[in-house]
Amino acid sequence: MARKNLIEISSSTSARPEPVAPRDNRPIAGFVPQARNPAPVGGITKTLGNITEKVERANDLERQLAKGQIVVDIEPGLVDASFVEDRLEIDAVQLNELVEQIREHGQQVPILVRPHPQVKGRYQVAYGHRRLAAVKKLGIRVRAVVRELTDDQLVVSQGQENSARTNLSYIERALFALRLEQRGFTRDIIMAALGVDKAALSKMLIVTRQVPITLITAIGAAPEIGRRRWLELGERLESVEPELVLAELSADNSGHLSSDERFHRVLALASRRPAVTKAPSVNAQISGVPVQFKKTASSATFVFDNKAAPGFDQFVQERLGSLFAEFQQNKGA
């Protein structure tokens, strides 16, 4: 009968019996029965697996850091400003509002920095200067993305982010363009940073050349003043002395005015002042010398005829120092 039952149990048509629980489920020497874990893992295998996993996570972290995909916390004192300024000033009211937002909700948007190209262990901001200023006031670490950036990449990131997020005023964008040009950046890089075409960039640079930087600084960011009004001011200043306008603005004690109000005040002063009468220029040919002399009220220019006397300009240039010394000596006498 026992043999018959064995045959019946092995039959494919017979129901399988319920598995019998082992008498002792406690692991022995790290062994766990198959019923509980179908893949036996020894202590050494576990350790090796954990080490491998940690190494892979560390490598992945390094790759993400290299690509600037990881947000890290940095001491604000280790972060320097960008090498190109893009703001005339940080509005105190707006900064205090940002401080309260971060105090209540934390820093939601990280800043972008790069390892400082000259100082090991420090960083340089691409964008996020206001957020950096806010966390400094709070005395907390700044959340930042660290990315390797060339100078070109930094200024493009800085310009594009500021244009999209912080709404720089027209004159601040124009000054940013001028500073980039003065540092030798190409027009293509400047246009990419500001998101403008050649014509718009040209007008920005015209404004910064017509309106002296000292006067722009005295006016401020003027967030409500656009291109047309700045170009208008530049044209008005061509026929007046900007220094006199600046002096009148300072005499008016205009510090209590908003930046937009100071702009309108300067425009009114430039419109009210009489145009400067410029003395006609004098053009003359120096007798017997292949040099033309041009003189205005504020400057004098010698134009050498290199066809008639090649090398004469260089000859005179080399002797300008001794000529000036002689002039000073005769003037003192």
C-alpha atoms as a PDB file:
ATOM      1  CA  MET A   1       0.000   0.000   0.000  1.00  0.00           C
ATOM      2  CA  ALA A   2       2.839   2.397   0.808  1.00  0.00           C
ATOM      3  CA  ARG A   3       4.449   1.791  -2.593  1.00  0.00           C
ATOM      4  CA  LYS A   4       1.093   2.404  -4.318  1.00  0.00           C
ATOM      5  CA  ASN A   5       0.704   5.707  -2.511  1.00  0.00           C
ATOM      6  CA  LEU A   6       4.167   6.794  -3.613  1.00  0.00           C
ATOM      7  CA  ILE A   7       3.227   6.159  -7.240  1.00  0.00           C
ATOM      8  CA  GLU A   8       0.003   8.131  -6.850  1.00  0.00           C
ATOM      9  CA  ILE A   9       1.818  11.123  -5.335  1.00  0.00           C
ATOM     10  CA  SER A  10       4.260  11.287  -8.238  1.00  0.00           C
ATOM     11  CA  SER A  11       1.469  11.134 -10.790  1.00  0.00           C
ATOM     12  CA  SER A  12       0.990  14.274 -12.850  1.00  0.00           C
ATOM     13  CA  THR A  13      -2.766  14.119 -12.331  1.00  0.00           C
ATOM     14  CA  SER A  14      -2.520  14.069  -8.555  1.00  0.00           C
ATOM     15  CA  ALA A  15      -2.721  17.238  -6.492  1.00  0.00           C
ATOM     16  CA  ARG A  16       0.541  18.493  -5.016  1.00  0.00           C
ATOM     17  CA  PRO A  17       0.716  18.336  -1.217  1.00  0.00           C
ATOM     18  CA  GLU A  18       1.143  21.549   0.778  1.00  0.00           C
ATOM     19  CA  PRO A  19       4.819  22.225   1.581  1.00  0.00           C
ATOM     20  CA  VAL A  20       5.762  21.235   5.069  1.00  0.00           C
ATOM     21  CA  ALA A  21       7.333  24.014   7.086  1.00  0.00           C
ATOM     22  CA  PRO A  22      10.782  23.120   8.353  1.00  0.00           C
ATOM     23  CA  ARG A  23      11.120  22.528  12.056  1.00  0.00           C
ATOM     24  CA  ASP A  24      13.769  25.191  12.469  1.00  0.00           C
ATOM     25  CA  ASN A  25      13.677  28.374  10.301  1.00  0.00           C
ATOM     26  CA  ARG A  26      16.662  30.023  11.990  1.00  0.00           C
ATOM     27  CA  PRO A  27      19.580  30.732   9.622  1.00  0.00           C
ATOM     28  CA  ILE A  28      22.638  28.623  10.206  1.00  0.00           C
ATOM     29  CA  ALA A  29      26.040  30.147   9.311  1.00  0.00           C
ATOM     30  CA  GLY A  30      24.336  32.767   7.205  1.00  0.00           C
ATOM     31  CA  PHE A  31      22.254  30.235   5.271  1.00  0.00           C
ATOM     32  CA  VAL A  32      18.598  31.032   4.708  1.00  0.00           C
ATOM     33  CA  PRO A  33      16.337  28.172   3.495  1.00  0.00           C
ATOM     34  CA  GLN A  34      15.177  28.394  -0.113  1.00  0.00           C
ATOM     35  CA  ALA A  35      11.560  28.647   0.957  1.00  0.00           C
ATOM     36  CA  ARG A  36      12.373  32.070   2.421  1.00  0.00           C
ATOM     37  CA  ASN A  37      14.991  33.293  -0.057  1.00  0.00           C
ATOM     38  CA  PRO A  38      15.333  31.469  -3.389  1.00  0.00           C
ATOM     39  CA  ALA A  39      18.778  33.060  -3.980  1.00  0.00           C
ATOM     40  CA  PRO A  40      21.181  32.092  -1.174  1.00  0.00           C
ATOM     41  CA  VAL A  41      23.496  34.989  -0.286  1.00  0.00           C
ATOM     42  CA  GLY A  42      26.495  34.595   1.938  1.00  0.00           C
ATOM     43  CA  GLY A  43      27.857  37.329   4.207  1.00  0.00           C
ATOM     44  CA  ILE A  44      30.846  37.907   1.941  1.00  0.00           C
ATOM     45  CA  THR A  45      28.623  38.186  -1.122  1.00  0.00           C
ATOM     46  CA  LYS A  46      26.458  40.741   0.690  1.00  0.00           C
ATOM     47  CA  THR A  47      29.483  42.822   1.649  1.00  0.00           C
ATOM     48  CA  LEU A  48      30.916  42.771  -1.861  1.00  0.00           C
ATOM     49  CA  GLY A  49      27.534  43.709  -3.277  1.00  0.00           C
ATOM     50  CA  ASN A  50      27.210  46.665  -0.906  1.00  0.00           C
ATOM     51  CA  ILE A  51      30.715  47.904  -1.761  1.00  0.00           C
ATOM     52  CA  THR A  52      30.023  47.631  -5.489  1.00  0.00           C
ATOM     53  CA  GLU A  53      26.750  49.528  -5.086  1.00  0.00           C
ATOM     54  CA  LYS A  54      28.438  52.320  -3.120  1.00  0.00           C
ATOM     55  CA  VAL A  55      31.228  52.642  -5.675  1.00  0.00           C
ATOM     56  CA  GLU A  56      28.685  52.835  -8.483  1.00  0.00           C
ATOM     57  CA  ARG A  57      26.726  55.495  -6.610  1.00  0.00           C
ATOM     58  CA  ALA A  58      29.903  57.496  -5.979  1.00  0.00           C
ATOM     59  CA  ASN A  59      30.926  57.267  -9.631  1.00  0.00           C
ATOM     60  CA  ASP A  60      27.447  58.325 -10.705  1.00  0.00           C
ATOM     61  CA  LEU A  61      27.571  61.261  -8.287  1.00  0.00           C
ATOM     62  CA  GLU A  62      30.909  62.388  -9.712  1.00  0.00           C
ATOM     63  CA  ARG A  63      29.553  62.148 -13.258  1.00  0.00           C
ATOM     64  CA  GLN A  64      26.508  64.207 -12.328  1.00  0.00           C
ATOM     65  CA  LEU A  65      28.637  66.794 -10.537  1.00  0.00           C
ATOM     66  CA  ALA A  66      30.876  67.073 -13.602  1.00  0.00           C
ATOM     67  CA  LYS A  67      27.793  67.685 -15.730  1.00  0.00           C
ATOM     68  CA  GLY A  68      26.343  70.133 -13.247  1.00  0.00           C
ATOM     69  CA  GLN A  69      23.321  67.963 -12.493  1.00  0.00           C
ATOM     70  CA  ILE A  70      23.698  67.840  -8.700  1.00  0.00           C
ATOM     71  CA  VAL A  71      22.725  70.613  -6.286  1.00  0.00           C
ATOM     72  CA  VAL A  72      25.234  71.093  -3.466  1.00  0.00           C
ATOM     73  CA  ASP A  73      25.339  73.365  -0.419  1.00  0.00           C
ATOM     74  CA  ILE A  74      28.251  75.838  -0.362  1.00  0.00           C
ATOM     75  CA  GLU A  75      29.399  78.385   2.184  1.00  0.00           C
ATOM     76  CA  PRO A  76      28.462  81.793   0.676  1.00  0.00           C
ATOM     77  CA  GLY A  77      31.831  83.209   1.730  1.00  0.00           C
ATOM     78  CA  LEU A  78      33.518  80.924  -0.797  1.00  0.00           C
ATOM     79  CA  VAL A  79      31.518  82.297  -3.727  1.00  0.00           C
ATOM     80  CA  ASP A  80      32.750  85.339  -5.687  1.00  0.00           C
ATOM     81  CA  ALA A  81      30.769  87.497  -8.094  1.00  0.00           C
ATOM     82  CA  SER A  82      30.995  87.102 -11.848  1.00  0.00           C
ATOM     83  CA  PHE A  83      33.922  88.856 -13.507  1.00  0.00           C
ATOM     84  CA  VAL A  84      31.394  90.917 -15.534  1.00  0.00           C
ATOM     85  CA  GLU A  85      28.812  93.000 -13.665  1.00  0.00           C
ATOM     86  CA  ASP A  86      25.284  92.904 -15.033  1.00  0.00           C
ATOM     87  CA  ARG A  87      23.467  95.135 -12.528  1.00  0.00           C
ATOM     88  CA  LEU A  88      23.804  98.745 -11.504  1.00  0.00           C
ATOM     89  CA  GLU A  89      22.414  97.950  -8.053  1.00  0.00           C
ATOM     90  CA  ILE A  90      20.388  95.384  -6.114  1.00  0.00           C
ATOM     91  CA  ASP A  91      17.082  96.902  -5.076  1.00  0.00           C
ATOM     92  CA  ALA A  92      16.952  96.840  -1.261  1.00  0.00           C
ATOM     93  CA  VAL A  93      13.186  96.307  -1.100  1.00  0.00           C
ATOM     94  CA  GLN A  94      13.267  93.418  -3.567  1.00  0.00           C
ATOM     95  CA  LEU A  95      16.228  91.875  -1.742  1.00  0.00           C
ATOM     96  CA  ASN A  96      14.383  91.975   1.598  1.00  0.00           C
ATOM     97  CA  GLU A  97      11.356  90.341  -0.033  1.00  0.00           C
ATOM     98  CA  LEU A  98      13.610  87.588  -1.383  1.00  0.00           C
ATOM     99  CA  VAL A  99      15.163  87.112   2.050  1.00  0.00           C
ATOM    100  CA  GLU A 100      11.725  86.564   3.598  1.00  0.00           C
ATOM    101  CA  GLN A 101      10.712  84.141   0.837  1.00  0.00           C
ATOM    102  CA  ILE A 102      13.837  82.034   1.388  1.00  0.00           C
ATOM    103  CA  ARG A 103      13.406  82.227   5.157  1.00  0.00           C
ATOM    104  CA  GLU A 104       9.873  80.865   4.847  1.00  0.00           C
ATOM    105  CA  HIS A 105      10.161  78.399   1.981  1.00  0.00           C
ATOM    106  CA  GLY A 106      13.885  77.789   1.566  1.00  0.00           C
ATOM    107  CA  GLN A 107      15.966  78.482  -1.524  1.00  0.00           C
ATOM    108  CA  GLN A 108      13.866  76.868  -4.236  1.00  0.00           C
ATOM    109  CA  VAL A 109      16.084  77.702  -7.222  1.00  0.00           C
ATOM    110  CA  PRO A 110      19.852  76.996  -7.037  1.00  0.00           C
ATOM    111  CA  ILE A 111      22.435  79.397  -8.351  1.00  0.00           C
ATOM    112  CA  LEU A 112      24.982  78.413 -11.015  1.00  0.00           C
ATOM    113  CA  VAL A 113      28.688  78.619 -10.178  1.00  0.00           C
ATOM    114  CA  ARG A 114      31.957  77.391 -11.595  1.00  0.00           C
ATOM    115  CA  PRO A 115      35.199  76.506  -9.825  1.00  0.00           C
ATOM    116  CA  HIS A 116      37.128  79.765  -9.597  1.00  0.00           C
ATOM    117  CA  PRO A 117      39.637  79.852 -12.482  1.00  0.00           C
ATOM    118  CA  GLN A 118      42.316  81.605 -10.398  1.00  0.00           C
ATOM    119  CA  VAL A 119      41.678  80.636  -6.763  1.00  0.00           C
ATOM    120  CA  LYS A 120      41.554  76.977  -5.755  1.00  0.00           C
ATOM    121  CA  GLY A 121      38.734  76.080  -3.397  1.00  0.00           C
ATOM    122  CA  ARG A 122      36.567  79.061  -4.340  1.00  0.00           C
ATOM    123  CA  TYR A 123      33.726  79.511  -6.811  1.00  0.00           C
ATOM    124  CA  GLN A 124      32.509  82.166  -9.233  1.00  0.00           C
ATOM    125  CA  VAL A 125      28.860  82.969  -9.911  1.00  0.00           C
ATOM    126  CA  ALA A 126      27.392  82.681 -13.383  1.00  0.00           C
ATOM    127  CA  TYR A 127      23.938  83.709 -12.205  1.00  0.00           C
ATOM    128  CA  GLY A 128      22.089  84.042  -8.921  1.00  0.00           C
ATOM    129  CA  HIS A 129      23.727  87.124  -7.387  1.00  0.00           C
ATOM    130  CA  ARG A 130      20.512  88.208  -5.645  1.00  0.00           C
ATOM    131  CA  ARG A 131      19.911  84.750  -4.189  1.00  0.00           C
ATOM    132  CA  LEU A 132      23.523  84.696  -2.997  1.00  0.00           C
ATOM    133  CA  ALA A 133      23.073  88.094  -1.324  1.00  0.00           C
ATOM    134  CA  ALA A 134      19.849  86.883   0.315  1.00  0.00           C
ATOM    135  CA  VAL A 135      21.347  83.713   1.860  1.00  0.00           C
ATOM    136  CA  LYS A 136      24.312  85.754   3.093  1.00  0.00           C
ATOM    137  CA  LYS A 137      21.877  87.924   5.032  1.00  0.00           C
ATOM    138  CA  LEU A 138      20.240  84.787   6.422  1.00  0.00           C
ATOM    139  CA  GLY A 139      23.593  83.242   7.352  1.00  0.00           C
ATOM    140  CA  ILE A 140      22.873  79.920   5.655  1.00  0.00           C
ATOM    141  CA  ARG A 141      24.546  77.880   2.933  1.00  0.00           C
ATOM    142  CA  VAL A 142      23.673  78.595  -0.672  1.00  0.00           C
ATOM    143  CA  ARG A 143      22.269  75.821  -2.875  1.00  0.00           C
ATOM    144  CA  ALA A 144      24.274  75.750  -6.094  1.00  0.00           C
ATOM    145  CA  VAL A 145      24.942  73.780  -9.237  1.00  0.00           C
ATOM    146  CA  VAL A 146      28.698  73.543  -9.855  1.00  0.00           C
ATOM    147  CA  ARG A 147      29.691  73.306 -13.495  1.00  0.00           C
ATOM    148  CA  GLU A 148      32.926  73.700 -15.433  1.00  0.00           C
ATOM    149  CA  LEU A 149      32.394  76.766 -17.631  1.00  0.00           C
ATOM    150  CA  THR A 150      34.603  78.720 -20.001  1.00  0.00           C
ATOM    151  CA  ASP A 151      34.403  82.518 -19.902  1.00  0.00           C
ATOM    152  CA  ASP A 152      32.176  82.457 -23.007  1.00  0.00           C
ATOM    153  CA  GLN A 153      29.846  79.866 -21.467  1.00  0.00           C
ATOM    154  CA  LEU A 154      29.666  81.784 -18.199  1.00  0.00           C
ATOM    155  CA  VAL A 155      28.630  85.115 -19.748  1.00  0.00           C
ATOM    156  CA  VAL A 156      26.106  83.439 -22.058  1.00  0.00           C
ATOM    157  CA  SER A 157      24.555  81.593 -19.097  1.00  0.00           C
ATOM    158  CA  GLN A 158      24.633  84.774 -17.034  1.00  0.00           C
ATOM    159  CA  GLY A 159      22.972  86.901 -19.700  1.00  0.00           C
ATOM    160  CA  GLN A 160      20.330  84.375 -20.705  1.00  0.00           C
ATOM    161  CA  GLU A 161      19.296  83.519 -17.147  1.00  0.00           C
ATOM    162  CA  ASN A 162      19.104  87.170 -16.108  1.00  0.00           C
ATOM    163  CA  SER A 163      17.071  88.065 -19.178  1.00  0.00           C
ATOM    164  CA  ALA A 164      14.633  85.238 -18.478  1.00  0.00           C
ATOM    165  CA  ARG A 165      14.346  85.509 -14.695  1.00  0.00           C
ATOM    166  CA  THR A 166      15.410  88.824 -13.209  1.00  0.00           C
ATOM    167  CA  ASN A 167      14.335  91.236 -15.950  1.00  0.00           C
ATOM    168  CA  LEU A 168      17.348  93.497 -16.167  1.00  0.00           C
ATOM    169  CA  SER A 169      16.453  96.985 -17.308  1.00  0.00           C
ATOM    170  CA  TYR A 170      17.335  98.162 -20.790  1.00  0.00           C
ATOM    171  CA  ILE A 171      20.281 100.259 -19.665  1.00  0.00           C
ATOM    172  CA  GLU A 172      21.651  97.444 -17.488  1.00  0.00           C
ATOM    173  CA  ARG A 173      21.558  95.123 -20.498  1.00  0.00           C
ATOM    174  CA  ALA A 174      23.263  97.815 -22.587  1.00  0.00           C
ATOM    175  CA  LEU A 175      26.010  98.244 -19.974  1.00  0.00           C
ATOM    176  CA  PHE A 176      26.442  94.467 -19.807  1.00  0.00           C
ATOM    177  CA  ALA A 177      26.946  94.455 -23.584  1.00  0.00           C
ATOM    178  CA  LEU A 178      29.489  97.284 -23.336  1.00  0.00           C
ATOM    179  CA  ARG A 179      31.478  95.508 -20.595  1.00  0.00           C
ATOM    180  CA  LEU A 180      31.567  92.309 -22.604  1.00  0.00           C
ATOM    181  CA  GLU A 181      32.783  94.219 -25.670  1.00  0.00           C
ATOM    182  CA  GLN A 182      35.471  95.949 -23.595  1.00  0.00           C
ATOM    183  CA  ARG A 183      36.664  92.523 -22.407  1.00  0.00           C
ATOM    184  CA  GLY A 184      37.094  91.360 -25.978  1.00  0.00           C
ATOM    185  CA  PHE A 185      34.081  89.070 -26.354  1.00  0.00           C
ATOM    186  CA  THR A 186      32.867  88.663 -29.928  1.00  0.00           C
ATOM    187  CA  ARG A 187      29.593  90.148 -31.125  1.00  0.00           C
ATOM    188  CA  ASP A 188      28.190  86.625 -31.564  1.00  0.00           C
ATOM    189  CA  ILE A 189      28.818  85.810 -27.886  1.00  0.00           C
ATOM    190  CA  ILE A 190      27.326  89.141 -26.767  1.00  0.00           C
ATOM    191  CA  MET A 191      24.227  88.626 -28.921  1.00  0.00           C
ATOM    192  CA  ALA A 192      23.826  85.081 -27.551  1.00  0.00           C
ATOM    193  CA  ALA A 193      24.170  86.316 -23.974  1.00  0.00           C
ATOM    194  CA  LEU A 194      21.556  89.024 -24.409  1.00  0.00           C
ATOM    195  CA  GLY A 195      19.321  87.228 -26.904  1.00  0.00           C
ATOM    196  CA  VAL A 196      19.368  90.148 -29.359  1.00  0.00           C
ATOM    197  CA  ASP A 197      20.222  90.643 -33.028  1.00  0.00           C
ATOM    198  CA  LYS A 198      22.912  92.867 -34.533  1.00  0.00           C
ATOM    199  CA  ALA A 199      20.660  95.896 -34.906  1.00  0.00           C
ATOM    200  CA  ALA A 200      19.474  95.781 -31.280  1.00  0.00           C
ATOM    201  CA  LEU A 201      23.027  95.297 -30.003  1.00  0.00           C
ATOM    202  CA  SER A 202      24.242  98.213 -32.106  1.00  0.00           C
ATOM    203  CA  LYS A 203      21.622 100.518 -30.565  1.00  0.00           C
ATOM    204  CA  MET A 204      22.584  99.380 -27.056  1.00  0.00           C
ATOM    205  CA  LEU A 205      26.213 100.267 -27.678  1.00  0.00           C
ATOM    206  CA  ILE A 206      25.241 103.609 -29.231  1.00  0.00           C
ATOM    207  CA  VAL A 207      23.387 104.551 -26.030  1.00  0.00           C
ATOM    208  CA  THR A 208      26.363 103.679 -23.820  1.00  0.00           C
ATOM    209  CA  ARG A 209      28.598 105.899 -25.962  1.00  0.00           C
ATOM    210  CA  GLN A 210      26.205 108.842 -26.122  1.00  0.00           C
ATOM    211  CA  VAL A 211      25.323 108.848 -22.419  1.00  0.00           C
ATOM    212  CA  PRO A 212      28.399 108.979 -20.148  1.00  0.00           C
ATOM    213  CA  ILE A 213      28.736 106.107 -17.681  1.00  0.00           C
ATOM    214  CA  THR A 214      28.877 108.578 -14.787  1.00  0.00           C
ATOM    215  CA  LEU A 215      25.468 109.936 -15.781  1.00  0.00           C
ATOM    216  CA  ILE A 216      24.011 106.439 -16.247  1.00  0.00           C
ATOM    217  CA  THR A 217      25.234 105.494 -12.774  1.00  0.00           C
ATOM    218  CA  ALA A 218      23.687 108.627 -11.296  1.00  0.00           C
ATOM    219  CA  ILE A 219      20.348 107.791 -12.929  1.00  0.00           C
ATOM    220  CA  GLY A 220      20.365 104.098 -11.991  1.00  0.00           C
ATOM    221  CA  ALA A 221      18.641 101.099 -13.525  1.00  0.00           C
ATOM    222  CA  ALA A 222      15.470 102.981 -14.563  1.00  0.00           C
ATOM    223  CA  PRO A 223      13.460  99.768 -15.045  1.00  0.00           C
ATOM    224  CA  GLU A 224      10.523 101.485 -16.770  1.00  0.00           C
ATOM    225  CA  ILE A 225      12.663 103.312 -19.340  1.00  0.00           C
ATOM    226  CA  GLY A 226      13.135 101.523 -22.635  1.00  0.00           C
ATOM    227  CA  ARG A 227      15.318 101.829 -25.697  1.00  0.00           C
ATOM    228  CA  ARG A 228      13.471 104.696 -27.362  1.00  0.00           C
ATOM    229  CA  ARG A 229      13.771 107.068 -24.400  1.00  0.00           C
ATOM    230  CA  TRP A 230      17.443 106.247 -23.804  1.00  0.00           C
ATOM    231  CA  LEU A 231      18.196 106.900 -27.478  1.00  0.00           C
ATOM    232  CA  GLU A 232      16.308 110.189 -27.176  1.00  0.00           C
ATOM    233  CA  LEU A 233      18.430 111.183 -24.189  1.00  0.00           C
ATOM    234  CA  GLY A 234      21.581 110.251 -26.065  1.00  0.00           C
ATOM    235  CA  GLU A 235      20.613 112.480 -28.968  1.00  0.00           C
ATOM    236  CA  ARG A 236      19.839 115.408 -26.608  1.00  0.00           C
ATOM    237  CA  LEU A 237      23.215 115.059 -24.919  1.00  0.00           C
ATOM    238  CA  GLU A 238      25.030 115.414 -28.240  1.00  0.00           C
ATOM    239  CA  SER A 239      24.263 119.138 -28.238  1.00  0.00           C
ATOM    240  CA  VAL A 240      24.805 119.885 -24.530  1.00  0.00           C
ATOM    241  CA  GLU A 241      27.543 119.309 -21.990  1.00  0.00           C
ATOM    242  CA  PRO A 242      26.725 116.096 -20.051  1.00  0.00           C
ATOM    243  CA  GLU A 243      28.916 117.235 -17.150  1.00  0.00           C
ATOM    244  CA  LEU A 244      26.692 120.274 -16.618  1.00  0.00           C
ATOM    245  CA  VAL A 245      23.579 118.110 -16.662  1.00  0.00           C
ATOM    246  CA  LEU A 246      25.161 115.789 -14.086  1.00  0.00           C
ATOM    247  CA  ALA A 247      26.112 118.784 -11.926  1.00  0.00           C
ATOM    248  CA  GLU A 248      22.540 120.097 -12.023  1.00  0.00           C
ATOM    249  CA  LEU A 249      21.177 116.654 -11.133  1.00  0.00           C
ATOM    250  CA  SER A 250      23.494 116.492  -8.121  1.00  0.00           C
ATOM    251  CA  ALA A 251      22.585 120.054  -7.080  1.00  0.00           C
ATOM    252  CA  ASP A 252      18.895 119.104  -7.119  1.00  0.00           C
ATOM    253  CA  ASN A 253      19.575 116.535  -4.369  1.00  0.00           C
ATOM    254  CA  SER A 254      17.772 113.920  -6.472  1.00  0.00           C
ATOM    255  CA  GLY A 255      18.770 110.968  -4.274  1.00  0.00           C
ATOM    256  CA  HIS A 256      15.232 110.750  -2.881  1.00  0.00           C
ATOM    257  CA  LEU A 257      13.807 110.282  -6.383  1.00  0.00           C
ATOM    258  CA  SER A 258      13.264 106.859  -7.922  1.00  0.00           C
ATOM    259  CA  SER A 259      15.583 105.795 -10.718  1.00  0.00           C
ATOM    260  CA  ASP A 260      12.851 106.336 -13.327  1.00  0.00           C
ATOM    261  CA  GLU A 261      12.181 109.833 -11.938  1.00  0.00           C
ATOM    262  CA  ARG A 262      15.881 110.683 -12.108  1.00  0.00           C
ATOM    263  CA  PHE A 263      15.903 109.677 -15.773  1.00  0.00           C
ATOM    264  CA  HIS A 264      13.011 112.035 -16.532  1.00  0.00           C
ATOM    265  CA  ARG A 265      14.771 114.770 -14.588  1.00  0.00           C
ATOM    266  CA  VAL A 266      17.953 114.325 -16.655  1.00  0.00           C
ATOM    267  CA  LEU A 267      15.956 114.296 -19.899  1.00  0.00           C
ATOM    268  CA  ALA A 268      14.269 117.543 -18.884  1.00  0.00           C
ATOM    269  CA  LEU A 269      17.613 119.140 -17.978  1.00  0.00           C
ATOM    270  CA  ALA A 270      19.172 118.048 -21.274  1.00  0.00           C
ATOM    271  CA  SER A 271      16.182 119.416 -23.192  1.00  0.00           C
ATOM    272  CA  ARG A 272      16.194 122.729 -21.350  1.00  0.00           C
ATOM    273  CA  ARG A 273      19.875 123.565 -21.603  1.00  0.00           C
ATOM    274  CA  PRO A 274      20.942 125.650 -24.602  1.00  0.00           C
ATOM    275  CA  ALA A 275      22.811 123.807 -27.291  1.00  0.00           C
ATOM    276  CA  VAL A 276      26.566 124.128 -27.215  1.00  0.00           C
ATOM    277  CA  THR A 277      27.877 126.204 -30.068  1.00  0.00           C
ATOM    278  CA  LYS A 278      30.853 124.401 -31.444  1.00  0.00           C
ATOM    279  CA  ALA A 279      33.621 126.341 -33.074  1.00  0.00           C
ATOM    280  CA  PRO A 280      34.109 125.447 -36.713  1.00  0.00           C
ATOM    281  CA  SER A 281      37.027 123.177 -37.450  1.00  0.00           C
ATOM    282  CA  VAL A 282      40.111 124.547 -39.169  1.00  0.00           C
ATOM    283  CA  ASN A 283      41.780 122.558 -41.922  1.00  0.00           C
ATOM    284  CA  ALA A 284      45.097 123.745 -43.264  1.00  0.00           C
ATOM    285  CA  GLN A 285      48.058 122.465 -45.244  1.00  0.00           C
ATOM    286  CA  ILE A 286      51.384 123.207 -43.587  1.00  0.00           C
ATOM    287  CA  SER A 287      53.551 125.013 -46.095  1.00  0.00           C
ATOM    288  CA  GLY A 288      56.343 122.861 -47.486  1.00  0.00           C
ATOM    289  CA  VAL A 289      55.443 119.854 -45.292  1.00  0.00           C
ATOM    290  CA  PRO A 290      53.355 116.833 -46.442  1.00  0.00           C
ATOM    291  CA  VAL A 291      51.096 117.149 -43.405  1.00  0.00           C
ATOM    292  CA  GLN A 292      47.544 118.424 -43.106  1.00  0.00           C
ATOM    293  CA  PHE A 293      46.513 120.165 -39.914  1.00  0.00           C
ATOM    294  CA  LYS A 294      42.947 119.845 -38.540  1.00  0.00           C
ATOM    295  CA  LYS A 295      41.866 121.790 -35.470  1.00  0.00           C
ATOM    296  CA  THR A 296      38.604 122.038 -33.506  1.00  0.00           C
ATOM    297  CA  ALA A 297      37.769 123.747 -30.228  1.00  0.00           C
ATOM    298  CA  SER A 298      38.848 120.710 -28.224  1.00  0.00           C
ATOM    299  CA  SER A 299      41.420 118.868 -30.322  1.00  0.00           C
ATOM    300  CA  ALA A 300      44.032 119.091 -33.045  1.00  0.00           C
ATOM    301  CA  THR A 301      45.022 116.425 -35.557  1.00  0.00           C
ATOM    302  CA  PHE A 302      47.986 116.047 -37.900  1.00  0.00           C
ATOM    303  CA  VAL A 303      47.363 113.929 -40.998  1.00  0.00           C
ATOM    304  CA  PHE A 304      50.536 112.665 -42.694  1.00  0.00           C
ATOM    305  CA  ASP A 305      50.703 112.058 -46.427  1.00  0.00           C
ATOM    306  CA  ASN A 306      52.474 108.700 -46.518  1.00  0.00           C
ATOM    307  CA  LYS A 307      52.633 108.667 -50.299  1.00  0.00           C
ATOM    308  CA  ALA A 308      54.523 111.958 -50.457  1.00  0.00           C
ATOM    309  CA  ALA A 309      56.811 111.157 -47.513  1.00  0.00           C
ATOM    310  CA  PRO A 310      56.694 107.511 -46.485  1.00  0.00           C
ATOM    311  CA  GLY A 311      58.010 106.971 -42.940  1.00  0.00           C
ATOM    312  CA  PHE A 312      57.774 110.615 -41.913  1.00  0.00           C
ATOM    313  CA  ASP A 313      54.924 109.852 -39.487  1.00  0.00           C
ATOM    314  CA  GLN A 314      57.096 107.294 -37.705  1.00  0.00           C
ATOM    315  CA  PHE A 315      59.994 109.757 -37.615  1.00  0.00           C
ATOM    316  CA  VAL A 316      57.829 112.373 -35.900  1.00  0.00           C
ATOM    317  CA  GLN A 317      56.288 109.824 -33.536  1.00  0.00           C
ATOM    318  CA  GLU A 318      59.715 108.772 -32.264  1.00  0.00           C
ATOM    319  CA  ARG A 319      60.557 112.389 -31.431  1.00  0.00           C
ATOM    320  CA  LEU A 320      57.292 113.365 -29.744  1.00  0.00           C
ATOM    321  CA  GLY A 321      58.739 112.719 -26.294  1.00  0.00           C
ATOM    322  CA  SER A 322      61.655 115.101 -26.747  1.00  0.00           C
ATOM    323  CA  LEU A 323      59.393 117.678 -28.431  1.00  0.00           C
ATOM    324  CA  PHE A 324      56.998 117.612 -25.501  1.00  0.00           C
ATOM    325  CA  ALA A 325      59.874 117.945 -23.036  1.00  0.00           C
ATOM    326  CA  GLU A 326      61.128 120.961 -24.962  1.00  0.00           C
ATOM    327  CA  PHE A 327      57.626 122.436 -24.946  1.00  0.00           C
ATOM    328  CA  GLN A 328      57.354 121.996 -21.177  1.00  0.00           C
ATOM    329  CA  GLN A 329      60.752 123.588 -20.661  1.00  0.00           C
ATOM    330  CA  ASN A 330      59.919 126.621 -22.799  1.00  0.00           C
ATOM    331  CA  LYS A 331      56.502 126.902 -21.104  1.00  0.00           C
ATOM    332  CA  GLY A 332      58.156 126.943 -17.688  1.00  0.00           C
ATOM    333  CA  ALA A 333      60.601 129.580 -18.790  1.00  0.00           C
END
